[in-house]
Amino acid sequence: MNQTTEEPIGRRHFMERAILGIFGALGLMLSAPIIGYILSPIFRVRENLAQSTRWAPIASLAEMESIGDLPRMFQVPYFVKEGWRTRETSRPVFAVKKGGKLALFSSFCTHLGCPTAWDEAKRMIICPCHGGLYNNFGEVIGGPPPRNLAEMEYKVENGLVYLKDPANVYEVGWKDPRRPA
């Protein structure tokens, strides 16, 4: 007869196997989410962020038709991709009728990029940072801004007015006249 005699496991071998078993289980539990995180871009449905932010809706055409020669501010929502995250943000723009035609322009001062606001009492757009003054059409009338507020491109489609590329940062600061644009 073939009898096997089992040797008793010593404390040292028991502890080695127990520790290896515990760390092995922890390794398996942690590896699944780590591998999932690393491989997630492969399986994620990609949305074309550039296309979704190329034209952002501002307001209905009927709402824009009611605008007169005094500027009205609109918040234009759009998406920004920051690393793995995509978040929604907005950009303020002024809308005004200029010569009977709709004009949209940036609400950021061309001096140093500070946000501007329409002052109803003074009937002008004011930059609170350094005292830049613009008329109701975004044209410089005083202060340090080197040029008018940036005019923005828009289109009308299906009864909505869309702003082109709201994530675009328009140039601010002094522009050297000797350099071609």
N, C-alpha and C. Protein backbone atom coordinates (compact mmCIF):
# COMPACT_ATOMS: atom_id res chain seq x y z
N MET A 1 0.81 -1.17 0.00
CA MET A 1 0.00 0.00 0.00
C MET A 1 0.86 1.25 0.00
N ASN A 2 0.36 2.14 -0.72
CA ASN A 2 1.09 3.38 -0.85
C ASN A 2 0.45 4.41 0.08
N GLN A 3 1.05 4.64 1.13
CA GLN A 3 0.52 5.62 2.07
C GLN A 3 1.39 6.88 2.00
N THR A 4 0.69 7.96 1.94
CA THR A 4 1.44 9.21 1.96
C THR A 4 1.26 9.83 3.33
N THR A 5 2.28 10.26 3.81
CA THR A 5 2.19 10.94 5.09
C THR A 5 2.40 12.43 4.85
N GLU A 6 1.47 13.17 5.27
CA GLU A 6 1.57 14.62 5.09
C GLU A 6 2.34 15.21 6.24
N GLU A 7 3.24 16.05 5.85
CA GLU A 7 3.99 16.73 6.89
C GLU A 7 3.18 17.94 7.33
N PRO A 8 3.19 18.20 8.57
CA PRO A 8 2.46 19.38 9.02
C PRO A 8 3.13 20.65 8.46
N ILE A 9 2.28 21.61 8.09
CA ILE A 9 2.78 22.87 7.55
C ILE A 9 3.25 23.72 8.73
N GLY A 10 4.41 24.21 8.60
CA GLY A 10 4.96 25.04 9.66
C GLY A 10 4.36 26.45 9.60
N ARG A 11 4.58 27.18 10.66
CA ARG A 11 4.04 28.54 10.71
C ARG A 11 4.60 29.42 9.60
N ARG A 12 5.84 29.28 9.32
CA ARG A 12 6.48 30.11 8.30
C ARG A 12 5.84 29.85 6.93
N HIS A 13 5.63 28.60 6.54
CA HIS A 13 5.02 28.27 5.24
C HIS A 13 3.56 28.69 5.20
N PHE A 14 2.88 28.54 6.32
CA PHE A 14 1.47 28.97 6.38
C PHE A 14 1.38 30.48 6.16
N MET A 15 2.23 31.26 6.83
CA MET A 15 2.19 32.72 6.69
C MET A 15 2.56 33.15 5.27
N GLU A 16 3.53 32.48 4.67
CA GLU A 16 3.91 32.81 3.29
C GLU A 16 2.73 32.59 2.35
N ARG A 17 2.07 31.45 2.48
CA ARG A 17 0.93 31.15 1.61
C ARG A 17 -0.24 32.09 1.88
N ALA A 18 -0.49 32.40 3.13
CA ALA A 18 -1.60 33.31 3.48
C ALA A 18 -1.35 34.70 2.92
N ILE A 19 -0.13 35.21 3.08
CA ILE A 19 0.19 36.54 2.57
C ILE A 19 0.14 36.55 1.05
N LEU A 20 0.69 35.54 0.40
CA LEU A 20 0.62 35.46 -1.06
C LEU A 20 -0.84 35.39 -1.52
N GLY A 21 -1.65 34.64 -0.84
CA GLY A 21 -3.07 34.54 -1.20
C GLY A 21 -3.79 35.87 -1.05
N ILE A 22 -3.54 36.57 0.06
CA ILE A 22 -4.20 37.87 0.30
C ILE A 22 -3.76 38.88 -0.75
N PHE A 23 -2.44 39.01 -0.99
CA PHE A 23 -1.97 39.97 -1.98
C PHE A 23 -2.37 39.58 -3.40
N GLY A 24 -2.44 38.31 -3.68
CA GLY A 24 -2.92 37.86 -4.99
C GLY A 24 -4.36 38.26 -5.21
N ALA A 25 -5.21 38.07 -4.19
CA ALA A 25 -6.62 38.47 -4.30
C ALA A 25 -6.74 39.98 -4.47
N LEU A 26 -5.96 40.75 -3.68
CA LEU A 26 -5.98 42.21 -3.82
C LEU A 26 -5.52 42.64 -5.21
N GLY A 27 -4.48 42.00 -5.71
CA GLY A 27 -3.98 42.32 -7.05
C GLY A 27 -5.02 42.07 -8.11
N LEU A 28 -5.74 40.96 -8.01
CA LEU A 28 -6.80 40.66 -8.98
C LEU A 28 -7.93 41.67 -8.89
N MET A 29 -8.30 42.03 -7.66
CA MET A 29 -9.40 42.99 -7.49
C MET A 29 -9.03 44.36 -8.04
N LEU A 30 -7.80 44.79 -7.84
CA LEU A 30 -7.38 46.11 -8.31
C LEU A 30 -7.03 46.14 -9.79
N SER A 31 -6.64 45.04 -10.35
CA SER A 31 -6.23 45.04 -11.76
C SER A 31 -7.40 45.27 -12.71
N ALA A 32 -8.59 44.80 -12.36
CA ALA A 32 -9.74 44.97 -13.26
C ALA A 32 -10.05 46.45 -13.51
N PRO A 33 -10.22 47.29 -12.46
CA PRO A 33 -10.50 48.70 -12.75
C PRO A 33 -9.34 49.43 -13.41
N ILE A 34 -8.12 49.06 -13.06
CA ILE A 34 -6.96 49.73 -13.66
C ILE A 34 -6.88 49.41 -15.15
N ILE A 35 -7.06 48.18 -15.50
CA ILE A 35 -7.05 47.79 -16.92
C ILE A 35 -8.23 48.43 -17.64
N GLY A 36 -9.39 48.48 -17.00
CA GLY A 36 -10.55 49.15 -17.59
C GLY A 36 -10.30 50.62 -17.85
N TYR A 37 -9.66 51.29 -16.92
CA TYR A 37 -9.34 52.71 -17.07
C TYR A 37 -8.37 52.93 -18.23
N ILE A 38 -7.36 52.08 -18.31
CA ILE A 38 -6.36 52.22 -19.36
C ILE A 38 -6.96 51.94 -20.74
N LEU A 39 -7.83 50.96 -20.84
CA LEU A 39 -8.39 50.57 -22.13
C LEU A 39 -9.70 51.30 -22.48
N SER A 40 -10.24 52.12 -21.58
CA SER A 40 -11.53 52.76 -21.82
C SER A 40 -11.57 53.62 -23.09
N PRO A 41 -10.51 54.34 -23.48
CA PRO A 41 -10.61 55.12 -24.71
C PRO A 41 -10.86 54.26 -25.94
N ILE A 42 -10.42 53.02 -25.92
CA ILE A 42 -10.62 52.14 -27.07
C ILE A 42 -12.10 51.81 -27.25
N PHE A 43 -12.80 51.64 -26.14
CA PHE A 43 -14.19 51.21 -26.20
C PHE A 43 -15.19 52.35 -26.12
N ARG A 44 -14.72 53.55 -25.82
CA ARG A 44 -15.62 54.68 -25.68
C ARG A 44 -16.14 55.12 -27.05
N VAL A 45 -17.40 55.50 -27.08
CA VAL A 45 -17.98 56.06 -28.30
C VAL A 45 -17.45 57.48 -28.41
N ARG A 46 -16.77 57.74 -29.50
CA ARG A 46 -16.17 59.06 -29.66
C ARG A 46 -17.16 60.01 -30.30
N GLU A 47 -17.36 61.14 -29.64
CA GLU A 47 -18.15 62.19 -30.25
C GLU A 47 -17.18 63.20 -30.82
N ASN A 48 -17.52 63.73 -31.94
CA ASN A 48 -16.63 64.67 -32.57
C ASN A 48 -16.81 66.03 -31.91
N LEU A 49 -15.94 66.32 -30.95
CA LEU A 49 -16.05 67.54 -30.18
C LEU A 49 -15.86 68.77 -31.05
N ALA A 50 -14.99 68.69 -32.03
CA ALA A 50 -14.75 69.84 -32.90
C ALA A 50 -16.03 70.20 -33.66
N GLN A 51 -16.77 69.20 -34.12
CA GLN A 51 -18.01 69.46 -34.84
C GLN A 51 -19.08 70.01 -33.91
N SER A 52 -19.13 69.52 -32.66
CA SER A 52 -20.18 69.95 -31.75
C SER A 52 -19.98 71.38 -31.28
N THR A 53 -18.74 71.89 -31.33
CA THR A 53 -18.50 73.25 -30.88
C THR A 53 -18.23 74.21 -32.03
N ARG A 54 -18.23 73.73 -33.25
CA ARG A 54 -17.95 74.61 -34.37
C ARG A 54 -19.04 75.68 -34.49
N TRP A 55 -20.29 75.32 -34.36
CA TRP A 55 -21.40 76.26 -34.41
C TRP A 55 -22.27 76.04 -33.18
N ALA A 56 -22.35 77.03 -32.32
CA ALA A 56 -23.13 76.92 -31.09
C ALA A 56 -24.38 77.79 -31.20
N PRO A 57 -25.54 77.26 -30.80
CA PRO A 57 -26.78 78.05 -30.89
C PRO A 57 -26.78 79.18 -29.87
N ILE A 58 -27.26 80.35 -30.31
CA ILE A 58 -27.35 81.51 -29.41
C ILE A 58 -28.79 81.73 -28.98
N ALA A 59 -29.65 81.97 -29.98
CA ALA A 59 -31.06 82.27 -29.70
C ALA A 59 -31.86 82.06 -30.98
N SER A 60 -33.16 82.16 -30.85
CA SER A 60 -34.01 82.02 -32.03
C SER A 60 -33.91 83.28 -32.88
N LEU A 61 -34.22 83.12 -34.15
CA LEU A 61 -34.17 84.25 -35.07
C LEU A 61 -35.19 85.32 -34.66
N ALA A 62 -36.36 84.88 -34.18
CA ALA A 62 -37.39 85.83 -33.73
C ALA A 62 -36.87 86.69 -32.57
N GLU A 63 -36.13 86.07 -31.65
CA GLU A 63 -35.57 86.81 -30.52
C GLU A 63 -34.51 87.81 -31.00
N MET A 64 -33.73 87.41 -31.98
CA MET A 64 -32.70 88.30 -32.52
C MET A 64 -33.31 89.46 -33.31
N GLU A 65 -34.46 89.21 -33.94
CA GLU A 65 -35.12 90.26 -34.72
C GLU A 65 -35.57 91.41 -33.81
N SER A 66 -35.84 91.11 -32.55
CA SER A 66 -36.34 92.14 -31.63
C SER A 66 -35.22 93.03 -31.08
N ILE A 67 -33.98 92.71 -31.38
CA ILE A 67 -32.85 93.51 -30.88
C ILE A 67 -32.77 94.80 -31.68
N GLY A 68 -32.52 95.89 -30.97
CA GLY A 68 -32.39 97.19 -31.62
C GLY A 68 -30.94 97.59 -31.75
N ASP A 69 -30.69 98.91 -31.67
CA ASP A 69 -29.31 99.39 -31.81
C ASP A 69 -28.58 99.46 -30.46
N LEU A 70 -29.20 98.92 -29.40
CA LEU A 70 -28.52 98.81 -28.11
C LEU A 70 -28.12 97.35 -27.91
N PRO A 71 -26.89 97.12 -27.48
CA PRO A 71 -26.41 95.73 -27.38
C PRO A 71 -27.12 94.94 -26.28
N ARG A 72 -27.30 93.68 -26.58
CA ARG A 72 -27.89 92.74 -25.61
C ARG A 72 -26.92 91.57 -25.47
N MET A 73 -26.66 91.17 -24.23
CA MET A 73 -25.70 90.09 -23.99
C MET A 73 -26.41 88.74 -23.99
N PHE A 74 -25.76 87.77 -24.64
CA PHE A 74 -26.24 86.38 -24.68
C PHE A 74 -25.13 85.48 -24.17
N GLN A 75 -25.50 84.43 -23.44
CA GLN A 75 -24.54 83.41 -23.01
C GLN A 75 -24.63 82.27 -24.02
N VAL A 76 -23.53 81.96 -24.67
CA VAL A 76 -23.50 80.92 -25.70
C VAL A 76 -22.86 79.66 -25.10
N PRO A 77 -23.64 78.60 -24.91
CA PRO A 77 -23.06 77.38 -24.33
C PRO A 77 -22.26 76.59 -25.37
N TYR A 78 -21.18 75.98 -24.93
CA TYR A 78 -20.38 75.11 -25.79
C TYR A 78 -19.61 74.13 -24.91
N PHE A 79 -18.97 73.13 -25.53
CA PHE A 79 -18.25 72.10 -24.79
C PHE A 79 -16.75 72.28 -24.91
N VAL A 80 -16.04 71.98 -23.82
CA VAL A 80 -14.59 72.06 -23.77
C VAL A 80 -14.08 70.71 -23.32
N LYS A 81 -13.06 70.20 -24.01
CA LYS A 81 -12.46 68.92 -23.62
C LYS A 81 -11.19 69.23 -22.84
N GLU A 82 -11.14 68.73 -21.61
CA GLU A 82 -9.99 68.92 -20.74
C GLU A 82 -9.47 67.55 -20.33
N GLY A 83 -8.47 67.08 -21.02
CA GLY A 83 -7.94 65.75 -20.72
C GLY A 83 -8.97 64.69 -21.04
N TRP A 84 -9.37 63.94 -20.03
CA TRP A 84 -10.36 62.86 -20.22
C TRP A 84 -11.77 63.38 -20.09
N ARG A 85 -11.92 64.60 -19.60
CA ARG A 85 -13.23 65.14 -19.25
C ARG A 85 -13.74 66.11 -20.31
N THR A 86 -15.03 66.09 -20.54
CA THR A 86 -15.67 67.09 -21.38
C THR A 86 -16.67 67.83 -20.52
N ARG A 87 -16.58 69.14 -20.50
CA ARG A 87 -17.52 69.91 -19.68
C ARG A 87 -18.16 71.01 -20.52
N GLU A 88 -19.32 71.43 -20.06
CA GLU A 88 -20.03 72.51 -20.75
C GLU A 88 -19.69 73.83 -20.08
N THR A 89 -19.45 74.82 -20.87
CA THR A 89 -19.19 76.17 -20.38
C THR A 89 -19.94 77.14 -21.28
N SER A 90 -19.79 78.42 -21.08
CA SER A 90 -20.48 79.38 -21.94
C SER A 90 -19.58 80.59 -22.17
N ARG A 91 -19.94 81.31 -23.21
CA ARG A 91 -19.20 82.51 -23.59
C ARG A 91 -20.20 83.66 -23.77
N PRO A 92 -19.96 84.80 -23.13
CA PRO A 92 -20.86 85.93 -23.33
C PRO A 92 -20.54 86.67 -24.63
N VAL A 93 -21.57 87.00 -25.39
CA VAL A 93 -21.40 87.80 -26.61
C VAL A 93 -22.47 88.89 -26.64
N PHE A 94 -22.13 89.99 -27.30
CA PHE A 94 -23.09 91.07 -27.49
C PHE A 94 -23.73 90.91 -28.86
N ALA A 95 -25.03 91.17 -28.94
CA ALA A 95 -25.75 91.19 -30.21
C ALA A 95 -26.39 92.57 -30.35
N VAL A 96 -26.30 93.15 -31.53
CA VAL A 96 -26.86 94.47 -31.79
C VAL A 96 -27.19 94.57 -33.27
N LYS A 97 -28.15 95.43 -33.61
CA LYS A 97 -28.45 95.71 -35.02
C LYS A 97 -27.59 96.89 -35.44
N LYS A 98 -26.76 96.67 -36.44
CA LYS A 98 -25.86 97.70 -36.95
C LYS A 98 -26.22 97.96 -38.40
N GLY A 99 -26.81 99.11 -38.66
CA GLY A 99 -27.26 99.42 -40.01
C GLY A 99 -28.38 98.49 -40.46
N GLY A 100 -29.22 98.07 -39.53
CA GLY A 100 -30.33 97.17 -39.86
C GLY A 100 -29.94 95.70 -39.95
N LYS A 101 -28.65 95.42 -39.81
CA LYS A 101 -28.17 94.05 -39.91
C LYS A 101 -27.63 93.60 -38.56
N LEU A 102 -27.87 92.33 -38.22
CA LEU A 102 -27.41 91.78 -36.95
C LEU A 102 -25.89 91.70 -36.91
N ALA A 103 -25.30 92.11 -35.79
CA ALA A 103 -23.86 92.01 -35.58
C ALA A 103 -23.62 91.39 -34.21
N LEU A 104 -22.68 90.46 -34.14
CA LEU A 104 -22.29 89.85 -32.88
C LEU A 104 -20.85 90.20 -32.62
N PHE A 105 -20.52 90.56 -31.39
CA PHE A 105 -19.13 90.82 -31.07
C PHE A 105 -18.80 90.33 -29.68
N SER A 106 -17.51 90.08 -29.48
CA SER A 106 -17.00 89.54 -28.23
C SER A 106 -17.24 90.53 -27.10
N SER A 107 -17.42 90.00 -25.90
CA SER A 107 -17.61 90.87 -24.74
C SER A 107 -16.31 91.04 -23.96
N PHE A 108 -15.19 90.61 -24.53
CA PHE A 108 -13.90 90.74 -23.84
C PHE A 108 -13.12 91.91 -24.42
N CYS A 109 -12.63 92.75 -23.53
CA CYS A 109 -11.90 93.96 -23.91
C CYS A 109 -10.65 93.60 -24.72
N THR A 110 -10.37 94.40 -25.73
CA THR A 110 -9.20 94.13 -26.58
C THR A 110 -7.91 94.64 -25.95
N HIS A 111 -8.00 95.28 -24.82
CA HIS A 111 -6.79 95.74 -24.13
C HIS A 111 -6.08 94.57 -23.46
N LEU A 112 -6.73 93.95 -22.45
CA LEU A 112 -6.12 92.82 -21.75
C LEU A 112 -7.09 91.65 -21.57
N GLY A 113 -8.22 91.67 -22.25
CA GLY A 113 -9.14 90.54 -22.22
C GLY A 113 -10.09 90.51 -21.04
N CYS A 114 -10.27 91.62 -20.36
CA CYS A 114 -11.22 91.66 -19.24
C CYS A 114 -12.65 91.61 -19.76
N PRO A 115 -13.59 91.08 -18.96
CA PRO A 115 -14.99 91.06 -19.40
C PRO A 115 -15.58 92.48 -19.34
N THR A 116 -16.35 92.81 -20.34
CA THR A 116 -17.00 94.13 -20.39
C THR A 116 -18.48 93.98 -20.09
N ALA A 117 -19.14 95.12 -19.88
CA ALA A 117 -20.59 95.11 -19.59
C ALA A 117 -21.22 96.36 -20.17
N TRP A 118 -22.47 96.25 -20.54
CA TRP A 118 -23.24 97.38 -21.05
C TRP A 118 -23.72 98.20 -19.86
N ASP A 119 -23.43 99.50 -19.87
CA ASP A 119 -23.90 100.41 -18.83
C ASP A 119 -25.05 101.22 -19.41
N GLU A 120 -26.25 100.91 -18.94
CA GLU A 120 -27.46 101.54 -19.48
C GLU A 120 -27.48 103.04 -19.20
N ALA A 121 -27.00 103.46 -18.03
CA ALA A 121 -27.02 104.87 -17.67
C ALA A 121 -26.09 105.69 -18.57
N LYS A 122 -24.90 105.17 -18.85
CA LYS A 122 -23.93 105.89 -19.69
C LYS A 122 -24.10 105.58 -21.17
N ARG A 123 -24.92 104.56 -21.47
CA ARG A 123 -25.19 104.14 -22.85
C ARG A 123 -23.89 103.78 -23.60
N MET A 124 -23.04 103.00 -22.92
CA MET A 124 -21.81 102.53 -23.54
C MET A 124 -21.37 101.23 -22.88
N ILE A 125 -20.48 100.53 -23.57
CA ILE A 125 -19.90 99.30 -23.04
C ILE A 125 -18.64 99.71 -22.29
N ILE A 126 -18.53 99.23 -21.04
CA ILE A 126 -17.43 99.66 -20.18
C ILE A 126 -16.61 98.46 -19.75
N CYS A 127 -15.29 98.62 -19.79
CA CYS A 127 -14.37 97.62 -19.24
C CYS A 127 -13.95 98.12 -17.87
N PRO A 128 -14.32 97.41 -16.81
CA PRO A 128 -14.03 97.91 -15.46
C PRO A 128 -12.56 97.83 -15.05
N CYS A 129 -11.76 97.03 -15.75
CA CYS A 129 -10.36 96.84 -15.35
C CYS A 129 -9.52 98.11 -15.51
N HIS A 130 -9.53 98.69 -16.70
CA HIS A 130 -8.66 99.83 -16.98
C HIS A 130 -9.41 100.99 -17.63
N GLY A 131 -10.71 100.97 -17.56
CA GLY A 131 -11.50 102.10 -18.05
C GLY A 131 -11.70 102.16 -19.55
N GLY A 132 -11.66 101.02 -20.22
CA GLY A 132 -11.92 101.01 -21.66
C GLY A 132 -13.38 101.33 -21.93
N LEU A 133 -13.64 102.14 -22.96
CA LEU A 133 -15.00 102.54 -23.31
C LEU A 133 -15.26 102.21 -24.77
N TYR A 134 -16.42 101.64 -25.02
CA TYR A 134 -16.85 101.29 -26.37
C TYR A 134 -18.27 101.81 -26.57
N ASN A 135 -18.59 102.19 -27.80
CA ASN A 135 -19.97 102.60 -28.08
C ASN A 135 -20.84 101.36 -28.20
N ASN A 136 -22.10 101.54 -28.53
CA ASN A 136 -23.03 100.41 -28.59
C ASN A 136 -22.74 99.43 -29.72
N PHE A 137 -21.85 99.78 -30.64
CA PHE A 137 -21.48 98.87 -31.73
C PHE A 137 -20.10 98.24 -31.50
N GLY A 138 -19.56 98.40 -30.29
CA GLY A 138 -18.28 97.79 -29.95
C GLY A 138 -17.07 98.55 -30.46
N GLU A 139 -17.25 99.80 -30.87
CA GLU A 139 -16.15 100.61 -31.37
C GLU A 139 -15.52 101.40 -30.23
N VAL A 140 -14.19 101.47 -30.20
CA VAL A 140 -13.48 102.16 -29.12
C VAL A 140 -13.80 103.64 -29.14
N ILE A 141 -14.16 104.17 -27.96
CA ILE A 141 -14.38 105.62 -27.84
C ILE A 141 -13.52 106.23 -26.73
N GLY A 142 -12.79 105.39 -25.98
CA GLY A 142 -11.92 105.92 -24.94
C GLY A 142 -11.19 104.82 -24.20
N GLY A 143 -10.14 105.23 -23.49
CA GLY A 143 -9.39 104.28 -22.68
C GLY A 143 -8.27 103.62 -23.45
N PRO A 144 -7.66 102.60 -22.87
CA PRO A 144 -6.49 101.98 -23.48
C PRO A 144 -6.75 100.91 -24.55
N PRO A 145 -7.97 100.45 -24.82
CA PRO A 145 -8.12 99.39 -25.83
C PRO A 145 -7.57 99.83 -27.18
N PRO A 146 -6.76 98.96 -27.82
CA PRO A 146 -6.13 99.33 -29.10
C PRO A 146 -7.07 99.23 -30.31
N ARG A 147 -8.15 98.50 -30.19
CA ARG A 147 -9.06 98.35 -31.34
C ARG A 147 -10.46 97.97 -30.84
N ASN A 148 -11.38 97.93 -31.77
CA ASN A 148 -12.78 97.61 -31.47
C ASN A 148 -12.93 96.18 -30.95
N LEU A 149 -14.07 95.90 -30.31
CA LEU A 149 -14.36 94.54 -29.88
C LEU A 149 -14.42 93.64 -31.11
N ALA A 150 -13.94 92.41 -30.97
CA ALA A 150 -13.86 91.49 -32.10
C ALA A 150 -15.27 91.12 -32.59
N GLU A 151 -15.50 91.32 -33.88
CA GLU A 151 -16.78 90.92 -34.46
C GLU A 151 -16.75 89.42 -34.71
N MET A 152 -17.86 88.75 -34.44
CA MET A 152 -17.90 87.30 -34.52
C MET A 152 -18.82 86.84 -35.64
N GLU A 153 -18.43 85.75 -36.27
CA GLU A 153 -19.19 85.21 -37.39
C GLU A 153 -20.38 84.40 -36.87
N TYR A 154 -21.50 84.49 -37.60
CA TYR A 154 -22.70 83.73 -37.23
C TYR A 154 -23.41 83.27 -38.48
N LYS A 155 -24.35 82.35 -38.28
CA LYS A 155 -25.21 81.91 -39.39
C LYS A 155 -26.61 81.68 -38.84
N VAL A 156 -27.58 81.70 -39.75
CA VAL A 156 -28.97 81.43 -39.39
C VAL A 156 -29.37 80.14 -40.07
N GLU A 157 -29.89 79.21 -39.27
CA GLU A 157 -30.27 77.90 -39.81
C GLU A 157 -31.46 77.37 -39.02
N ASN A 158 -32.50 76.96 -39.69
CA ASN A 158 -33.70 76.39 -39.07
C ASN A 158 -34.29 77.29 -37.99
N GLY A 159 -34.29 78.59 -38.23
CA GLY A 159 -34.89 79.52 -37.29
C GLY A 159 -34.04 79.81 -36.06
N LEU A 160 -32.78 79.35 -36.05
CA LEU A 160 -31.87 79.62 -34.93
C LEU A 160 -30.64 80.36 -35.43
N VAL A 161 -30.08 81.19 -34.57
CA VAL A 161 -28.84 81.90 -34.88
C VAL A 161 -27.71 81.15 -34.18
N TYR A 162 -26.66 80.82 -34.94
CA TYR A 162 -25.52 80.06 -34.44
C TYR A 162 -24.26 80.91 -34.48
N LEU A 163 -23.44 80.80 -33.44
CA LEU A 163 -22.16 81.49 -33.37
C LEU A 163 -21.07 80.52 -33.82
N LYS A 164 -20.18 81.01 -34.68
CA LYS A 164 -19.09 80.16 -35.16
C LYS A 164 -17.98 80.09 -34.12
N ASP A 165 -17.57 78.88 -33.80
CA ASP A 165 -16.43 78.58 -32.95
C ASP A 165 -16.37 79.43 -31.68
N PRO A 166 -17.30 79.20 -30.73
CA PRO A 166 -17.33 80.02 -29.52
C PRO A 166 -16.11 79.82 -28.62
N ALA A 167 -15.39 78.71 -28.78
CA ALA A 167 -14.22 78.45 -27.94
C ALA A 167 -13.00 79.23 -28.42
N ASN A 168 -13.08 79.86 -29.58
CA ASN A 168 -11.95 80.61 -30.12
C ASN A 168 -11.65 81.81 -29.23
N VAL A 169 -10.39 81.98 -28.91
CA VAL A 169 -9.97 83.12 -28.11
C VAL A 169 -9.54 84.21 -29.08
N TYR A 170 -10.23 85.32 -29.00
CA TYR A 170 -9.92 86.43 -29.90
C TYR A 170 -8.74 87.23 -29.36
N GLU A 171 -7.96 87.75 -30.27
CA GLU A 171 -6.74 88.44 -29.92
C GLU A 171 -7.01 89.67 -29.06
N VAL A 172 -6.18 89.83 -28.04
CA VAL A 172 -6.25 91.02 -27.20
C VAL A 172 -4.87 91.66 -27.17
N GLY A 173 -4.82 92.87 -26.70
CA GLY A 173 -3.55 93.56 -26.54
C GLY A 173 -3.18 94.39 -27.75
N TRP A 174 -2.05 95.04 -27.66
CA TRP A 174 -1.58 95.93 -28.70
C TRP A 174 -1.07 95.10 -29.87
N LYS A 175 -1.39 95.53 -31.06
CA LYS A 175 -0.96 94.83 -32.26
C LYS A 175 0.02 95.73 -33.01
N ASP A 176 1.20 95.20 -33.31
CA ASP A 176 2.22 95.95 -34.01
C ASP A 176 1.76 96.23 -35.44
N PRO A 177 1.59 97.51 -35.82
CA PRO A 177 1.11 97.82 -37.16
C PRO A 177 2.12 97.46 -38.26
N ARG A 178 3.40 97.27 -37.90
CA ARG A 178 4.42 96.93 -38.88
C ARG A 178 4.36 95.46 -39.28
N ARG A 179 3.72 94.64 -38.47
CA ARG A 179 3.61 93.21 -38.77
C ARG A 179 2.34 92.93 -39.55
N PRO A 180 2.43 92.15 -40.60
CA PRO A 180 1.20 91.78 -41.34
C PRO A 180 0.32 90.87 -40.47
N ALA A 181 -0.97 90.97 -40.66
CA ALA A 181 -1.92 90.20 -39.86
C ALA A 181 -1.89 88.74 -40.18
